[in-house]
Amino acid sequence: MTTTRTRVTRTLLTAGVVAGPLYVAVGLAQAFTREGFDLTRHQWSMLAIGDLGWIQVANFLVAALATAAAAAGMQRAGGSPWASRLIAVYALSLVGAAVFKADPAMGFPAGTPEGPGVVSTAGMLHLLCGLIGFAAVGAACFVVARRFWPLYSRVTGVLFLLGFAAVATGAGAVWANLAFTAAIVLIWAWLAVVSLHYRRTV
């Protein structure tokens, strides 16, 4: 018989399954429709600025809530406490990314001068939130790898952290932006797969 606790746990983990696909779908929809935005030059977090920036802010917050739910669901399902905590840190970093927005740069939003632009305090805090959150979810991959899917989780963790390192050091290079975009899709897919795995165990 399915108990209330089981139903709640499954609901929390379902949030983890849909978090990534929803985030990616909303991000891509904006990327292809926002004036001046170019996936080869701009990171997705820049979608939070400009007249329609509220859409990406909402996307960050919904993803944060769903990711936090996934972390709680994994804990309830008997997952690694450390993995759950690290994923919860990632959720908090998404809130930080919504509150502290990236700075206008590289011609976006439309009308912004070309070039890296000026880094504000909010922009610095945005980068710090990203650094903490990405490091946390990357580490979570290796923690999960100790319990199941060691190759998949470790490869995901390595590729994700390499994608983040690429955009952090690539100075706006096309290859770096595309590598980071691929890394974001990869880590959300991993979270969905892990959440689905735990959902099937309860």
Protein backbone atom coordinates (compact mmCIF):
# COMPACT_ATOMS: atom_id res chain seq x y z
CA MET A 1 0.00 0.00 0.00
CA THR A 2 1.27 3.45 -0.92
CA THR A 3 1.67 5.61 2.18
CA THR A 4 1.44 9.38 2.46
CA ARG A 5 5.19 9.52 3.04
CA THR A 6 5.82 7.55 -0.16
CA ARG A 7 3.52 9.81 -2.17
CA VAL A 8 5.23 12.93 -0.86
CA THR A 9 8.68 11.51 -1.58
CA ARG A 10 7.70 10.57 -5.11
CA THR A 11 6.24 14.04 -5.69
CA LEU A 12 9.48 15.67 -4.52
CA LEU A 13 11.53 13.44 -6.80
CA THR A 14 9.20 14.09 -9.73
CA ALA A 15 10.09 17.74 -9.32
CA GLY A 16 13.72 16.73 -9.81
CA VAL A 17 12.85 14.86 -12.99
CA VAL A 18 11.09 17.84 -14.60
CA ALA A 19 13.36 20.60 -13.25
CA GLY A 20 15.99 20.30 -15.95
CA PRO A 21 13.81 19.81 -19.02
CA LEU A 22 11.66 22.78 -17.96
CA TYR A 23 14.67 25.01 -17.29
CA VAL A 24 16.32 24.10 -20.59
CA ALA A 25 13.10 24.49 -22.59
CA VAL A 26 12.38 27.95 -21.17
CA GLY A 27 16.01 28.98 -21.61
CA LEU A 28 16.18 27.86 -25.23
CA ALA A 29 12.84 29.48 -26.04
CA GLN A 30 14.25 32.79 -24.84
CA ALA A 31 17.63 32.24 -26.46
CA PHE A 32 16.03 31.92 -29.88
CA THR A 33 13.55 34.77 -29.47
CA ARG A 34 15.23 37.49 -27.39
CA GLU A 35 16.59 40.30 -29.56
CA GLY A 36 20.37 40.39 -29.57
CA PHE A 37 20.90 37.14 -27.68
CA ASP A 38 23.38 34.71 -29.22
CA LEU A 39 24.11 31.30 -27.67
CA THR A 40 27.61 31.40 -29.10
CA ARG A 41 28.41 34.66 -27.28
CA HIS A 42 26.14 34.95 -24.24
CA GLN A 43 25.51 32.76 -21.19
CA TRP A 44 21.94 31.86 -20.28
CA SER A 45 22.12 33.81 -17.04
CA MET A 46 22.24 37.02 -19.09
CA LEU A 47 18.64 36.35 -20.11
CA ALA A 48 17.68 37.65 -16.64
CA ILE A 49 18.50 41.21 -17.70
CA GLY A 50 16.57 43.50 -20.01
CA ASP A 51 12.85 44.15 -20.38
CA LEU A 52 11.96 40.44 -20.49
CA GLY A 53 14.48 39.43 -17.86
CA TRP A 54 11.69 38.51 -15.43
CA ILE A 55 11.10 35.34 -17.47
CA GLN A 56 14.58 34.01 -16.75
CA VAL A 57 14.37 35.19 -13.14
CA ALA A 58 11.20 33.11 -12.77
CA ASN A 59 12.95 30.24 -14.56
CA PHE A 60 15.79 30.37 -12.02
CA LEU A 61 13.38 30.40 -9.08
CA VAL A 62 11.20 27.56 -10.36
CA ALA A 63 14.32 25.49 -11.10
CA ALA A 64 15.61 26.29 -7.60
CA LEU A 65 12.39 25.11 -5.94
CA ALA A 66 12.29 21.93 -8.04
CA THR A 67 15.96 21.20 -7.32
CA ALA A 68 15.48 21.75 -3.60
CA ALA A 69 12.51 19.38 -3.73
CA ALA A 70 14.68 16.79 -5.47
CA ALA A 71 17.33 17.11 -2.77
CA ALA A 72 14.72 16.56 -0.08
CA GLY A 73 13.25 13.63 -1.98
CA MET A 74 16.64 11.95 -2.33
CA GLN A 75 17.23 12.33 1.41
CA ARG A 76 13.83 10.78 2.17
CA ALA A 77 14.49 7.95 -0.30
CA GLY A 78 17.67 6.95 1.49
CA GLY A 79 20.13 8.69 -0.78
CA SER A 80 23.50 9.98 0.31
CA PRO A 81 23.06 12.83 2.81
CA TRP A 82 26.05 14.62 1.29
CA ALA A 83 24.67 14.36 -2.22
CA SER A 84 21.37 15.80 -1.02
CA ARG A 85 23.13 18.67 0.75
CA LEU A 86 25.27 19.49 -2.27
CA ILE A 87 22.25 19.51 -4.56
CA ALA A 88 20.47 21.76 -2.05
CA VAL A 89 23.42 24.15 -2.25
CA TYR A 90 23.00 24.18 -6.02
CA ALA A 91 19.33 25.06 -5.53
CA LEU A 92 20.31 27.98 -3.29
CA SER A 93 22.81 29.17 -5.90
CA LEU A 94 19.98 29.37 -8.44
CA VAL A 95 18.11 31.69 -6.07
CA GLY A 96 21.27 33.77 -5.81
CA ALA A 97 21.54 33.89 -9.60
CA ALA A 98 17.97 35.21 -9.76
CA VAL A 99 18.56 37.87 -7.10
CA PHE A 100 22.00 38.99 -8.24
CA LYS A 101 21.81 39.39 -11.99
CA ALA A 102 24.61 39.16 -14.52
CA ASP A 103 25.87 42.42 -16.01
CA PRO A 104 25.02 43.62 -19.52
CA ALA A 105 27.89 42.83 -21.89
CA MET A 106 28.83 41.76 -25.40
CA GLY A 107 25.96 43.64 -27.01
CA PHE A 108 23.20 42.17 -24.83
CA PRO A 109 20.59 43.35 -24.03
CA ALA A 110 20.11 45.01 -27.41
CA GLY A 111 21.78 48.41 -27.38
CA THR A 112 24.53 47.40 -24.95
CA PRO A 113 28.03 48.26 -26.25
CA GLU A 114 30.25 45.43 -27.41
CA GLY A 115 32.92 44.17 -25.05
CA PRO A 116 32.92 42.67 -21.55
CA GLY A 117 31.42 45.74 -19.91
CA VAL A 118 31.71 46.85 -16.28
CA VAL A 119 31.39 44.24 -13.53
CA SER A 120 29.08 45.49 -10.77
CA THR A 121 28.77 44.23 -7.20
CA ALA A 122 25.62 42.33 -8.21
CA GLY A 123 27.52 40.85 -11.15
CA MET A 124 30.32 39.69 -8.87
CA LEU A 125 27.83 38.09 -6.48
CA HIS A 126 26.16 36.41 -9.44
CA LEU A 127 29.49 34.89 -10.45
CA LEU A 128 30.16 33.82 -6.86
CA CYS A 129 26.77 32.10 -6.64
CA GLY A 130 27.56 30.30 -9.88
CA LEU A 131 30.98 29.21 -8.65
CA ILE A 132 29.58 27.81 -5.41
CA GLY A 133 26.57 26.16 -7.01
CA PHE A 134 28.42 24.60 -9.91
CA ALA A 135 31.16 23.28 -7.64
CA ALA A 136 28.51 21.78 -5.37
CA VAL A 137 26.52 19.99 -8.06
CA GLY A 138 29.72 18.84 -9.74
CA ALA A 139 30.85 17.35 -6.42
CA ALA A 140 27.42 15.73 -6.01
CA CYS A 141 28.08 13.72 -9.16
CA PHE A 142 31.12 12.13 -7.56
CA VAL A 143 29.29 11.45 -4.29
CA VAL A 144 26.45 9.72 -6.13
CA ALA A 145 29.01 7.73 -8.14
CA ARG A 146 30.00 5.93 -4.94
CA ARG A 147 26.53 4.33 -4.77
CA PHE A 148 25.45 3.69 -8.36
CA TRP A 149 26.25 4.49 -12.00
CA PRO A 150 29.89 5.32 -11.20
CA LEU A 151 30.97 5.83 -14.80
CA TYR A 152 27.98 7.96 -15.83
CA SER A 153 28.08 10.13 -12.73
CA ARG A 154 31.84 10.65 -12.78
CA VAL A 155 31.94 11.45 -16.50
CA THR A 156 29.07 13.89 -16.04
CA GLY A 157 30.87 15.55 -13.14
CA VAL A 158 34.13 15.87 -15.06
CA LEU A 159 32.51 17.20 -18.24
CA PHE A 160 30.35 19.63 -16.30
CA LEU A 161 33.27 21.09 -14.36
CA LEU A 162 35.34 21.29 -17.55
CA GLY A 163 32.48 23.17 -19.24
CA PHE A 164 32.33 25.62 -16.36
CA ALA A 165 36.12 26.06 -16.42
CA ALA A 166 35.92 26.69 -20.17
CA VAL A 167 33.45 29.55 -19.88
CA ALA A 168 35.28 30.98 -16.86
CA THR A 169 38.57 31.15 -18.75
CA GLY A 170 37.46 31.38 -22.37
CA ALA A 171 37.02 35.16 -22.45
CA GLY A 172 33.79 34.92 -24.41
CA ALA A 173 35.10 32.48 -27.02
CA VAL A 174 32.44 30.67 -29.03
CA TRP A 175 33.79 27.22 -28.14
CA ALA A 176 33.73 28.09 -24.43
CA ASN A 177 30.14 29.33 -24.48
CA LEU A 178 28.94 26.30 -26.40
CA ALA A 179 30.86 23.94 -24.10
CA PHE A 180 29.23 25.56 -21.09
CA THR A 181 25.77 25.36 -22.65
CA ALA A 182 26.32 21.65 -23.30
CA ALA A 183 27.52 21.21 -19.71
CA ILE A 184 24.36 22.85 -18.34
CA VAL A 185 22.16 20.51 -20.38
CA LEU A 186 24.27 17.56 -19.24
CA ILE A 187 24.00 18.32 -15.52
CA TRP A 188 20.25 18.87 -15.68
CA ALA A 189 19.88 15.55 -17.50
CA TRP A 190 21.93 13.88 -14.76
CA LEU A 191 19.71 15.34 -12.04
CA ALA A 192 16.63 14.08 -13.87
CA VAL A 193 18.07 10.57 -14.22
CA VAL A 194 19.15 10.40 -10.57
CA SER A 195 15.79 11.71 -9.36
CA LEU A 196 14.00 9.11 -11.49
CA HIS A 197 16.22 6.37 -10.09
CA TYR A 198 15.35 7.29 -6.51
CA ARG A 199 11.68 7.68 -7.38
CA ARG A 200 11.60 4.09 -8.57
CA THR A 201 13.04 2.87 -5.27
CA VAL A 202 10.24 4.23 -3.07
